[in-house]
Each structure stands twice: as structure tokens, then as C-alpha cells.
Amino acid sequence: VSLTNLDQPLFDGAEATKRDLVDYLDAVRDRIIP
């Protein structure tokens, strides 16, 4: 999967970037996918 613009802010007030979102989802994938 091509991941793009990872260092952009996620949304106003998110205090996180798109990379933070992707890294988090990847880290918890074995819990959230089930």
C-alpha cells in the first residue's frame, strides 16, 4: 500500500499527523481487525 503525505496534520486540533494515524492502526491491527 502506497502511503502518502504522512507528515500532514490529521485535522485541526488532532495533535497528530497522518503518520501517527497509520502507525497506530498498524500497531493495533491484530486487535482491531478481529
All heavy atoms as atom14 arrays in JSON, in Angstrom:
{
  "sequence": "VSLTNLDQPLFDGAEATKRDLVDYLDAVRDRIIP",
  "atom14_mask": [
    [1, 1, 1, 1, 1, 1, 1, 0, 0, 0, 0, 0, 0, 0],
    [1, 1, 1, 1, 1, 1, 0, 0, 0, 0, 0, 0, 0, 0],
    [1, 1, 1, 1, 1, 1, 1, 1, 0, 0, 0, 0, 0, 0],
    [1, 1, 1, 1, 1, 1, 1, 0, 0, 0, 0, 0, 0, 0],
    [1, 1, 1, 1, 1, 1, 1, 1, 0, 0, 0, 0, 0, 0],
    [1, 1, 1, 1, 1, 1, 1, 1, 0, 0, 0, 0, 0, 0],
    [1, 1, 1, 1, 1, 1, 1, 1, 0, 0, 0, 0, 0, 0],
    [1, 1, 1, 1, 1, 1, 1, 1, 1, 0, 0, 0, 0, 0],
    [1, 1, 1, 1, 1, 1, 1, 0, 0, 0, 0, 0, 0, 0],
    [1, 1, 1, 1, 1, 1, 1, 1, 0, 0, 0, 0, 0, 0],
    [1, 1, 1, 1, 1, 1, 1, 1, 1, 1, 1, 0, 0, 0],
    [1, 1, 1, 1, 1, 1, 1, 1, 0, 0, 0, 0, 0, 0],
    [1, 1, 1, 1, 0, 0, 0, 0, 0, 0, 0, 0, 0, 0],
    [1, 1, 1, 1, 1, 0, 0, 0, 0, 0, 0, 0, 0, 0],
    [1, 1, 1, 1, 1, 1, 1, 1, 1, 0, 0, 0, 0, 0],
    [1, 1, 1, 1, 1, 0, 0, 0, 0, 0, 0, 0, 0, 0],
    [1, 1, 1, 1, 1, 1, 1, 0, 0, 0, 0, 0, 0, 0],
    [1, 1, 1, 1, 1, 1, 1, 1, 1, 0, 0, 0, 0, 0],
    [1, 1, 1, 1, 1, 1, 1, 1, 1, 1, 1, 0, 0, 0],
    [1, 1, 1, 1, 1, 1, 1, 1, 0, 0, 0, 0, 0, 0],
    [1, 1, 1, 1, 1, 1, 1, 1, 0, 0, 0, 0, 0, 0],
    [1, 1, 1, 1, 1, 1, 1, 0, 0, 0, 0, 0, 0, 0],
    [1, 1, 1, 1, 1, 1, 1, 1, 0, 0, 0, 0, 0, 0],
    [1, 1, 1, 1, 1, 1, 1, 1, 1, 1, 1, 1, 0, 0],
    [1, 1, 1, 1, 1, 1, 1, 1, 0, 0, 0, 0, 0, 0],
    [1, 1, 1, 1, 1, 1, 1, 1, 0, 0, 0, 0, 0, 0],
    [1, 1, 1, 1, 1, 0, 0, 0, 0, 0, 0, 0, 0, 0],
    [1, 1, 1, 1, 1, 1, 1, 0, 0, 0, 0, 0, 0, 0],
    [1, 1, 1, 1, 1, 1, 1, 1, 1, 1, 1, 0, 0, 0],
    [1, 1, 1, 1, 1, 1, 1, 1, 0, 0, 0, 0, 0, 0],
    [1, 1, 1, 1, 1, 1, 1, 1, 1, 1, 1, 0, 0, 0],
    [1, 1, 1, 1, 1, 1, 1, 1, 0, 0, 0, 0, 0, 0],
    [1, 1, 1, 1, 1, 1, 1, 1, 0, 0, 0, 0, 0, 0],
    [1, 1, 1, 1, 1, 1, 1, 0, 0, 0, 0, 0, 0, 0]
  ],
  "atom14_positions": [
    [[0.84, -1.19, 0.0], [0.0, 0.0, 0.0], [0.88, 1.24, 0.0], [1.73, 1.41, 0.89], [-0.94, 0.03, 1.23], [-1.78, 1.3, 1.23], [-1.82, -1.2, 1.25], [0.0, 0.0, 0.0], [0.0, 0.0, 0.0], [0.0, 0.0, 0.0], [0.0, 0.0, 0.0], [0.0, 0.0, 0.0], [0.0, 0.0, 0.0], [0.0, 0.0, 0.0]],
    [[0.69, 2.11, -0.98], [1.42, 3.37, -1.04], [0.82, 4.36, -0.05], [-0.37, 4.67, -0.14], [1.37, 3.95, -2.46], [2.03, 3.09, -3.38], [0.0, 0.0, 0.0], [0.0, 0.0, 0.0], [0.0, 0.0, 0.0], [0.0, 0.0, 0.0], [0.0, 0.0, 0.0], [0.0, 0.0, 0.0], [0.0, 0.0, 0.0], [0.0, 0.0, 0.0]],
    [[1.62, 4.83, 0.86], [1.19, 5.76, 1.9], [1.75, 7.14, 1.57], [2.95, 7.29, 1.36], [1.66, 5.3, 3.27], [1.25, 3.87, 3.66], [1.96, 3.43, 4.94], [-0.26, 3.79, 3.83], [0.0, 0.0, 0.0], [0.0, 0.0, 0.0], [0.0, 0.0, 0.0], [0.0, 0.0, 0.0], [0.0, 0.0, 0.0], [0.0, 0.0, 0.0]],
    [[0.9, 8.14, 1.52], [1.29, 9.45, 1.03], [1.0, 10.55, 2.05], [0.12, 10.41, 2.91], [0.53, 9.78, -0.27], [-0.88, 9.73, -0.02], [0.87, 8.78, -1.37], [0.0, 0.0, 0.0], [0.0, 0.0, 0.0], [0.0, 0.0, 0.0], [0.0, 0.0, 0.0], [0.0, 0.0, 0.0], [0.0, 0.0, 0.0], [0.0, 0.0, 0.0]],
    [[1.75, 11.63, 1.94], [1.52, 12.83, 2.76], [1.45, 12.51, 4.25], [0.6, 13.03, 4.98], [0.24, 13.54, 2.32], [0.27, 13.94, 0.85], [1.26, 14.49, 0.38], [-0.81, 13.65, 0.15], [0.0, 0.0, 0.0], [0.0, 0.0, 0.0], [0.0, 0.0, 0.0], [0.0, 0.0, 0.0], [0.0, 0.0, 0.0], [0.0, 0.0, 0.0]],
    [[2.35, 11.65, 4.68], [2.26, 11.14, 6.05], [2.52, 12.19, 7.12], [2.08, 12.03, 8.26], [3.24, 9.97, 6.22], [2.86, 8.69, 5.47], [3.96, 7.66, 5.59], [1.54, 8.13, 5.99], [0.0, 0.0, 0.0], [0.0, 0.0, 0.0], [0.0, 0.0, 0.0], [0.0, 0.0, 0.0], [0.0, 0.0, 0.0], [0.0, 0.0, 0.0]],
    [[3.22, 13.25, 6.77], [3.56, 14.24, 7.78], [2.59, 15.41, 7.83], [2.81, 16.38, 8.55], [4.99, 14.75, 7.55], [6.01, 13.62, 7.74], [5.72, 12.69, 8.52], [7.08, 13.67, 7.11], [0.0, 0.0, 0.0], [0.0, 0.0, 0.0], [0.0, 0.0, 0.0], [0.0, 0.0, 0.0], [0.0, 0.0, 0.0], [0.0, 0.0, 0.0]],
    [[1.48, 15.3, 7.09], [0.45, 16.33, 7.17], [-0.33, 16.21, 8.48], [-0.55, 15.11, 8.97], [-0.53, 16.21, 6.01], [0.0, 16.65, 4.67], [-1.08, 16.6, 3.59], [-2.18, 16.09, 3.81], [-0.75, 17.13, 2.42], [0.0, 0.0, 0.0], [0.0, 0.0, 0.0], [0.0, 0.0, 0.0], [0.0, 0.0, 0.0], [0.0, 0.0, 0.0]],
    [[-0.78, 17.34, 9.05], [-1.67, 17.26, 10.21], [-2.93, 16.47, 9.86], [-3.43, 16.55, 8.74], [-2.01, 18.73, 10.5], [-0.89, 19.5, 9.89], [-0.47, 18.73, 8.67], [0.0, 0.0, 0.0], [0.0, 0.0, 0.0], [0.0, 0.0, 0.0], [0.0, 0.0, 0.0], [0.0, 0.0, 0.0], [0.0, 0.0, 0.0], [0.0, 0.0, 0.0]],
    [[-3.42, 15.71, 10.81], [-4.57, 14.85, 10.55], [-5.85, 15.67, 10.37], [-6.63, 15.46, 9.45], [-4.72, 13.84, 11.69], [-5.52, 12.58, 11.45], [-5.06, 11.86, 10.18], [-5.42, 11.65, 12.65], [0.0, 0.0, 0.0], [0.0, 0.0, 0.0], [0.0, 0.0, 0.0], [0.0, 0.0, 0.0], [0.0, 0.0, 0.0], [0.0, 0.0, 0.0]],
    [[-6.08, 16.61, 11.28], [-7.2, 17.56, 11.18], [-6.94, 18.65, 12.22], [-6.05, 18.49, 13.08], [-8.57, 16.89, 11.4], [-8.69, 16.13, 12.69], [-9.1, 16.74, 13.87], [-8.42, 14.76, 12.73], [-9.22, 16.04, 15.05], [-8.55, 14.04, 13.91], [-8.94, 14.69, 15.08], [0.0, 0.0, 0.0], [0.0, 0.0, 0.0], [0.0, 0.0, 0.0]],
    [[-7.65, 19.72, 12.16], [-7.46, 20.81, 13.12], [-7.73, 20.31, 14.54], [-8.79, 19.76, 14.83], [-8.4, 21.98, 12.81], [-8.01, 22.73, 11.55], [-6.86, 22.56, 11.1], [-8.84, 23.48, 11.02], [0.0, 0.0, 0.0], [0.0, 0.0, 0.0], [0.0, 0.0, 0.0], [0.0, 0.0, 0.0], [0.0, 0.0, 0.0], [0.0, 0.0, 0.0]],
    [[-6.74, 20.5, 15.4], [-6.89, 20.07, 16.79], [-6.55, 18.62, 17.04], [-6.67, 18.14, 18.17], [0.0, 0.0, 0.0], [0.0, 0.0, 0.0], [0.0, 0.0, 0.0], [0.0, 0.0, 0.0], [0.0, 0.0, 0.0], [0.0, 0.0, 0.0], [0.0, 0.0, 0.0], [0.0, 0.0, 0.0], [0.0, 0.0, 0.0], [0.0, 0.0, 0.0]],
    [[-6.09, 17.91, 16.02], [-5.81, 16.48, 16.18], [-4.6, 16.22, 17.06], [-4.51, 15.17, 17.71], [-5.59, 15.84, 14.81], [0.0, 0.0, 0.0], [0.0, 0.0, 0.0], [0.0, 0.0, 0.0], [0.0, 0.0, 0.0], [0.0, 0.0, 0.0], [0.0, 0.0, 0.0], [0.0, 0.0, 0.0], [0.0, 0.0, 0.0], [0.0, 0.0, 0.0]],
    [[-3.65, 17.15, 17.06], [-2.37, 16.95, 17.76], [-1.7, 15.67, 17.27], [-1.04, 14.95, 18.03], [-2.58, 16.92, 19.28], [-3.18, 18.19, 19.84], [-3.48, 18.11, 21.32], [-2.93, 17.21, 21.99], [-4.28, 18.94, 21.81], [0.0, 0.0, 0.0], [0.0, 0.0, 0.0], [0.0, 0.0, 0.0], [0.0, 0.0, 0.0], [0.0, 0.0, 0.0]],
    [[-1.91, 15.37, 15.99], [-1.37, 14.15, 15.4], [-1.28, 14.35, 13.89], [-2.02, 15.15, 13.31], [-2.25, 12.94, 15.71], [0.0, 0.0, 0.0], [0.0, 0.0, 0.0], [0.0, 0.0, 0.0], [0.0, 0.0, 0.0], [0.0, 0.0, 0.0], [0.0, 0.0, 0.0], [0.0, 0.0, 0.0], [0.0, 0.0, 0.0], [0.0, 0.0, 0.0]],
    [[-0.39, 13.6, 13.27], [-0.24, 13.61, 11.83], [-0.88, 12.37, 11.22], [-1.27, 11.44, 11.94], [1.24, 13.64, 11.43], [1.85, 12.41, 11.89], [1.96, 14.84, 12.04], [0.0, 0.0, 0.0], [0.0, 0.0, 0.0], [0.0, 0.0, 0.0], [0.0, 0.0, 0.0], [0.0, 0.0, 0.0], [0.0, 0.0, 0.0], [0.0, 0.0, 0.0]],
    [[-0.95, 12.37, 9.9], [-1.44, 11.18, 9.22], [-0.53, 9.99, 9.52], [-1.01, 8.85, 9.65], [-1.51, 11.44, 7.72], [-2.11, 10.31, 6.9], [-2.22, 10.7, 5.44], [-2.62, 9.53, 4.56], [-2.65, 9.89, 3.13], [0.0, 0.0, 0.0], [0.0, 0.0, 0.0], [0.0, 0.0, 0.0], [0.0, 0.0, 0.0], [0.0, 0.0, 0.0]],
    [[0.77, 10.23, 9.67], [1.69, 9.15, 10.04], [1.31, 8.55, 11.4], [1.33, 7.33, 11.59], [3.12, 9.66, 10.08], [4.15, 8.56, 10.41], [5.56, 9.13, 10.56], [5.99, 9.8, 9.32], [6.46, 9.15, 8.26], [6.53, 7.83, 8.27], [6.85, 9.83, 7.21], [0.0, 0.0, 0.0], [0.0, 0.0, 0.0], [0.0, 0.0, 0.0]],
    [[0.96, 9.42, 12.35], [0.55, 8.92, 13.67], [-0.66, 7.99, 13.54], [-0.73, 6.95, 14.23], [0.2, 10.08, 14.61], [1.41, 10.9, 14.99], [2.5, 10.31, 15.19], [1.28, 12.14, 15.11], [0.0, 0.0, 0.0], [0.0, 0.0, 0.0], [0.0, 0.0, 0.0], [0.0, 0.0, 0.0], [0.0, 0.0, 0.0], [0.0, 0.0, 0.0]],
    [[-1.62, 8.37, 12.69], [-2.8, 7.53, 12.49], [-2.41, 6.19, 11.89], [-2.82, 5.13, 12.4], [-3.79, 8.24, 11.55], [-4.98, 7.38, 11.08], [-5.9, 7.06, 12.25], [-5.74, 8.07, 9.96], [0.0, 0.0, 0.0], [0.0, 0.0, 0.0], [0.0, 0.0, 0.0], [0.0, 0.0, 0.0], [0.0, 0.0, 0.0], [0.0, 0.0, 0.0]],
    [[-1.63, 6.21, 10.81], [-1.25, 4.97, 10.13], [-0.41, 4.08, 11.06], [-0.62, 2.87, 11.14], [-0.5, 5.28, 8.83], [0.08, 4.0, 8.23], [-1.43, 5.95, 7.82], [0.0, 0.0, 0.0], [0.0, 0.0, 0.0], [0.0, 0.0, 0.0], [0.0, 0.0, 0.0], [0.0, 0.0, 0.0], [0.0, 0.0, 0.0], [0.0, 0.0, 0.0]],
    [[0.54, 4.7, 11.76], [1.37, 3.91, 12.69], [0.52, 3.28, 13.78], [0.74, 2.12, 14.18], [2.43, 4.81, 13.33], [3.57, 5.14, 12.37], [3.66, 4.5, 11.3], [4.38, 6.03, 12.72], [0.0, 0.0, 0.0], [0.0, 0.0, 0.0], [0.0, 0.0, 0.0], [0.0, 0.0, 0.0], [0.0, 0.0, 0.0], [0.0, 0.0, 0.0]],
    [[-0.46, 4.03, 14.3], [-1.32, 3.48, 15.34], [-2.15, 2.31, 14.8], [-2.19, 1.24, 15.43], [-2.26, 4.56, 15.89], [-3.35, 3.97, 16.76], [-3.07, 3.52, 18.05], [-4.63, 3.78, 16.26], [-4.05, 2.92, 18.83], [-5.63, 3.2, 17.03], [-5.32, 2.76, 18.31], [-6.29, 2.15, 19.06], [0.0, 0.0, 0.0], [0.0, 0.0, 0.0]],
    [[-2.8, 2.5, 13.66], [-3.62, 1.42, 13.1], [-2.77, 0.17, 12.84], [-3.22, -0.95, 13.1], [-4.28, 1.89, 11.8], [-5.36, 2.97, 11.94], [-5.8, 3.46, 10.57], [-6.57, 2.45, 12.72], [0.0, 0.0, 0.0], [0.0, 0.0, 0.0], [0.0, 0.0, 0.0], [0.0, 0.0, 0.0], [0.0, 0.0, 0.0], [0.0, 0.0, 0.0]],
    [[-1.56, 0.38, 12.35], [-0.68, -0.76, 12.08], [-0.28, -1.46, 13.38], [-0.21, -2.69, 13.44], [0.56, -0.27, 11.33], [1.18, -1.34, 10.44], [0.54, -2.41, 10.25], [2.28, -1.11, 9.92], [0.0, 0.0, 0.0], [0.0, 0.0, 0.0], [0.0, 0.0, 0.0], [0.0, 0.0, 0.0], [0.0, 0.0, 0.0], [0.0, 0.0, 0.0]],
    [[-0.06, -0.67, 14.43], [0.37, -1.25, 15.71], [-0.74, -2.07, 16.37], [-0.47, -3.07, 17.04], [0.82, -0.14, 16.65], [0.0, 0.0, 0.0], [0.0, 0.0, 0.0], [0.0, 0.0, 0.0], [0.0, 0.0, 0.0], [0.0, 0.0, 0.0], [0.0, 0.0, 0.0], [0.0, 0.0, 0.0], [0.0, 0.0, 0.0], [0.0, 0.0, 0.0]],
    [[-2.0, -1.66, 16.17], [-3.11, -2.36, 16.83], [-3.87, -3.27, 15.86], [-4.96, -3.74, 16.17], [-4.11, -1.37, 17.49], [-3.39, -0.52, 18.52], [-4.82, -0.52, 16.46], [0.0, 0.0, 0.0], [0.0, 0.0, 0.0], [0.0, 0.0, 0.0], [0.0, 0.0, 0.0], [0.0, 0.0, 0.0], [0.0, 0.0, 0.0], [0.0, 0.0, 0.0]],
    [[-3.31, -3.54, 14.7], [-4.05, -4.28, 13.66], [-4.53, -5.63, 14.13], [-5.62, -6.08, 13.76], [-3.19, -4.43, 12.4], [-1.93, -5.27, 12.58], [-1.12, -5.32, 11.28], [0.05, -6.18, 11.37], [1.25, -5.77, 11.75], [1.44, -4.51, 12.12], [2.27, -6.62, 11.79], [0.0, 0.0, 0.0], [0.0, 0.0, 0.0], [0.0, 0.0, 0.0]],
    [[-3.74, -6.31, 14.97], [-4.16, -7.64, 15.42], [-5.28, -7.57, 16.45], [-5.86, -8.6, 16.79], [-2.97, -8.39, 16.02], [-1.94, -8.76, 14.96], [-2.31, -8.84, 13.77], [-0.75, -8.95, 15.32], [0.0, 0.0, 0.0], [0.0, 0.0, 0.0], [0.0, 0.0, 0.0], [0.0, 0.0, 0.0], [0.0, 0.0, 0.0], [0.0, 0.0, 0.0]],
    [[-5.59, -6.38, 16.96], [-6.73, -6.21, 17.88], [-7.95, -5.65, 17.16], [-9.07, -6.1, 17.41], [-6.37, -5.27, 19.02], [-5.39, -5.84, 20.04], [-4.03, -5.33, 19.77], [-3.1, -5.54, 20.88], [-1.79, -5.33, 20.77], [-1.28, -4.89, 19.63], [-0.99, -5.53, 21.79], [0.0, 0.0, 0.0], [0.0, 0.0, 0.0], [0.0, 0.0, 0.0]],
    [[-7.74, -4.66, 16.28], [-8.9, -4.01, 15.66], [-9.47, -4.82, 14.51], [-10.69, -4.84, 14.31], [-8.57, -2.56, 15.22], [-9.86, -1.81, 14.89], [-7.6, -2.54, 14.04], [-9.67, -0.32, 14.66], [0.0, 0.0, 0.0], [0.0, 0.0, 0.0], [0.0, 0.0, 0.0], [0.0, 0.0, 0.0], [0.0, 0.0, 0.0], [0.0, 0.0, 0.0]],
    [[-8.62, -5.52, 13.75], [-9.16, -6.29, 12.61], [-10.15, -7.36, 13.07], [-11.2, -7.53, 12.43], [-8.01, -6.88, 11.77], [-7.3, -5.75, 11.0], [-8.54, -7.92, 10.78], [-6.05, -6.19, 10.26], [0.0, 0.0, 0.0], [0.0, 0.0, 0.0], [0.0, 0.0, 0.0], [0.0, 0.0, 0.0], [0.0, 0.0, 0.0], [0.0, 0.0, 0.0]],
    [[-9.92, -8.08, 14.17], [-10.92, -9.07, 14.59], [-12.29, -8.47, 14.9], [-13.3, -9.15, 14.72], [-10.29, -9.69, 15.85], [-8.82, -9.56, 15.63], [-8.66, -8.22, 14.94], [0.0, 0.0, 0.0], [0.0, 0.0, 0.0], [0.0, 0.0, 0.0], [0.0, 0.0, 0.0], [0.0, 0.0, 0.0], [0.0, 0.0, 0.0], [0.0, 0.0, 0.0]]
  ]
}
